[in-house]
C-alpha atoms as a PDB file:
ATOM      1  CA  LEU A   1      -1.342   4.111   1.854  1.00  0.00           C
ATOM      2  CA  ALA A   2       0.894   7.166   2.140  1.00  0.00           C
ATOM      3  CA  ASP A   3       0.132   7.544   5.878  1.00  0.00           C
ATOM      4  CA  ILE A   4       0.928   3.859   6.617  1.00  0.00           C
ATOM      5  CA  LEU A   5       4.178   4.063   4.654  1.00  0.00           C
ATOM      6  CA  ARG A   6       5.239   7.279   6.493  1.00  0.00           C
ATOM      7  CA  ALA A   7       4.347   5.806   9.922  1.00  0.00           C
ATOM      8  CA  ARG A   8       6.415   2.573   9.617  1.00  0.00           C
ATOM      9  CA  PRO A   9       9.968   2.327  11.001  1.00  0.00           C
ATOM     10  CA  GLY A  10      12.479   3.044   8.262  1.00  0.00           C
ATOM     11  CA  SER A  11      14.103  -0.387   8.614  1.00  0.00           C
ATOM     12  CA  GLN A  12      10.813  -2.318   8.247  1.00  0.00           C
ATOM     13  CA  PRO A  13      10.467  -3.848   4.803  1.00  0.00           C
ATOM     14  CA  VAL A  14       7.488  -3.056   2.696  1.00  0.00           C
ATOM     15  CA  THR A  15       5.368  -5.703   0.947  1.00  0.00           C
ATOM     16  CA  LEU A  16       2.539  -4.585  -1.215  1.00  0.00           C
ATOM     17  CA  LEU A  17      -0.425  -6.862  -1.952  1.00  0.00           C
ATOM     18  CA  VAL A  18      -2.543  -5.654  -4.868  1.00  0.00           C
ATOM     19  CA  GLY A  19      -5.944  -7.188  -5.250  1.00  0.00           C
ATOM     20  CA  PRO A  20      -7.932  -8.000  -8.329  1.00  0.00           C
ATOM     21  CA  ASP A  21      -9.781  -5.218 -10.206  1.00  0.00           C
ATOM     22  CA  THR A  22     -12.847  -6.043  -8.138  1.00  0.00           C
ATOM     23  CA  GLY A  23     -10.930  -5.712  -4.823  1.00  0.00           C
ATOM     24  CA  PHE A  24     -10.187  -8.182  -2.066  1.00  0.00           C
ATOM     25  CA  ASP A  25     -13.225  -9.968  -0.588  1.00  0.00           C
ATOM     26  CA  HIS A  26     -14.083  -9.617   3.053  1.00  0.00           C
ATOM     27  CA  SER A  27     -12.513 -12.903   4.115  1.00  0.00           C
ATOM     28  CA  GLU A  28      -9.250 -12.016   2.444  1.00  0.00           C
ATOM     29  CA  VAL A  29      -9.040  -8.707   4.233  1.00  0.00           C
ATOM     30  CA  GLN A  30      -9.831 -10.405   7.568  1.00  0.00           C
ATOM     31  CA  ALA A  31      -7.038 -13.003   6.970  1.00  0.00           C
ATOM     32  CA  ALA A  32      -4.547 -10.318   6.181  1.00  0.00           C
ATOM     33  CA  GLN A  33      -5.466  -8.253   9.235  1.00  0.00           C
ATOM     34  CA  ALA A  34      -5.242 -11.415  11.452  1.00  0.00           C
ATOM     35  CA  ARG A  35      -1.636 -11.734  10.194  1.00  0.00           C
ATOM     36  CA  GLY A  36      -0.769  -8.178  11.138  1.00  0.00           C
ATOM     37  CA  ILE A  37      -0.929  -6.694   7.682  1.00  0.00           C
ATOM     38  CA  SER A  38      -1.925  -3.043   7.523  1.00  0.00           C
ATOM     39  CA  ILE A  39      -4.853  -2.484   5.189  1.00  0.00           C
ATOM     40  CA  ALA A  40      -4.739   0.639   2.970  1.00  0.00           C
ATOM     41  CA  GLY A  41      -6.437   1.974  -0.093  1.00  0.00           C
ATOM     42  CA  MET A  42      -5.641   4.622  -2.646  1.00  0.00           C
ATOM     43  CA  GLY A  43      -8.833   6.537  -2.700  1.00  0.00           C
ATOM     44  CA  GLU A  44     -12.483   6.160  -3.715  1.00  0.00           C
ATOM     45  CA  GLY A  45     -11.919   5.225  -7.285  1.00  0.00           C
ATOM     46  CA  MET A  46     -11.283   1.727  -8.552  1.00  0.00           C
ATOM     47  CA  LEU A  47      -7.963   1.173 -10.346  1.00  0.00           C
ATOM     48  CA  ARG A  48      -7.164  -1.738 -12.599  1.00  0.00           C
ATOM     49  CA  ALA A  49      -4.828  -4.191 -10.786  1.00  0.00           C
ATOM     50  CA  GLU A  50      -1.798  -3.410 -12.950  1.00  0.00           C
ATOM     51  CA  THR A  51      -2.320   0.364 -12.530  1.00  0.00           C
ATOM     52  CA  ALA A  52      -2.750  -0.036  -8.788  1.00  0.00           C
ATOM     53  CA  ALA A  53       0.489  -2.032  -8.537  1.00  0.00           C
ATOM     54  CA  ILE A  54       2.459   0.643 -10.296  1.00  0.00           C
ATOM     55  CA  ALA A  55       0.914   3.453  -8.208  1.00  0.00           C
ATOM     56  CA  ALA A  56       1.621   1.647  -4.957  1.00  0.00           C
ATOM     57  CA  ALA A  57       5.168   0.851  -5.955  1.00  0.00           C
ATOM     58  CA  VAL A  58       5.771   4.561  -6.762  1.00  0.00           C
ATOM     59  CA  LEU A  59       4.374   5.591  -3.328  1.00  0.00           C
ATOM     60  CA  ALA A  60       6.493   2.981  -1.543  1.00  0.00           C
ATOM     61  CA  THR A  61       9.612   4.012  -3.447  1.00  0.00           C
ATOM     62  CA  MET A  62       9.001   7.657  -2.620  1.00  0.00           C
ATOM     63  CA  ALA A  63       8.460   6.833   1.051  1.00  0.00           C
ATOM     64  CA  THR A  64      11.697   4.880   1.262  1.00  0.00           C
ATOM     65  CA  ASP A  65      13.945   7.251  -0.737  1.00  0.00           C
ATOM     66  CA  ALA A  66      16.331   9.269   1.512  1.00  0.00           C
ATOM     67  CA  GLY A  67      14.753  12.659   2.349  1.00  0.00           C
ATOM     68  CA  GLY A  68      11.492  11.832   0.639  1.00  0.00           C
ATOM     69  CA  ASP A  69       8.160  10.904   1.996  1.00  0.00           C
ATOM     70  CA  ALA A  70       5.055   9.251   0.517  1.00  0.00           C
ATOM     71  CA  HIS A  71       3.931  12.673  -0.849  1.00  0.00           C
ATOM     72  CA  GLY A  72       7.199  13.339  -2.678  1.00  0.00           C
ATOM     73  CA  ARG A  73       8.156  16.419  -0.674  1.00  0.00           C
END
């Protein structure tokens, strides 16, 4: 996720789709990719949907803050 956020043009809006606790199924991922949506994860572990949403929002906010990047440096 951090790499995708850093690589996007600064003026491109960010929309985050957070799946259910069990993850998106294969057809949902294929449909998103067919629409040009970049697919990313946040590691090997499984997060609850509400935790994943907060973590993704924090990464996106850090990536869009002036002078910051998706790693907070």
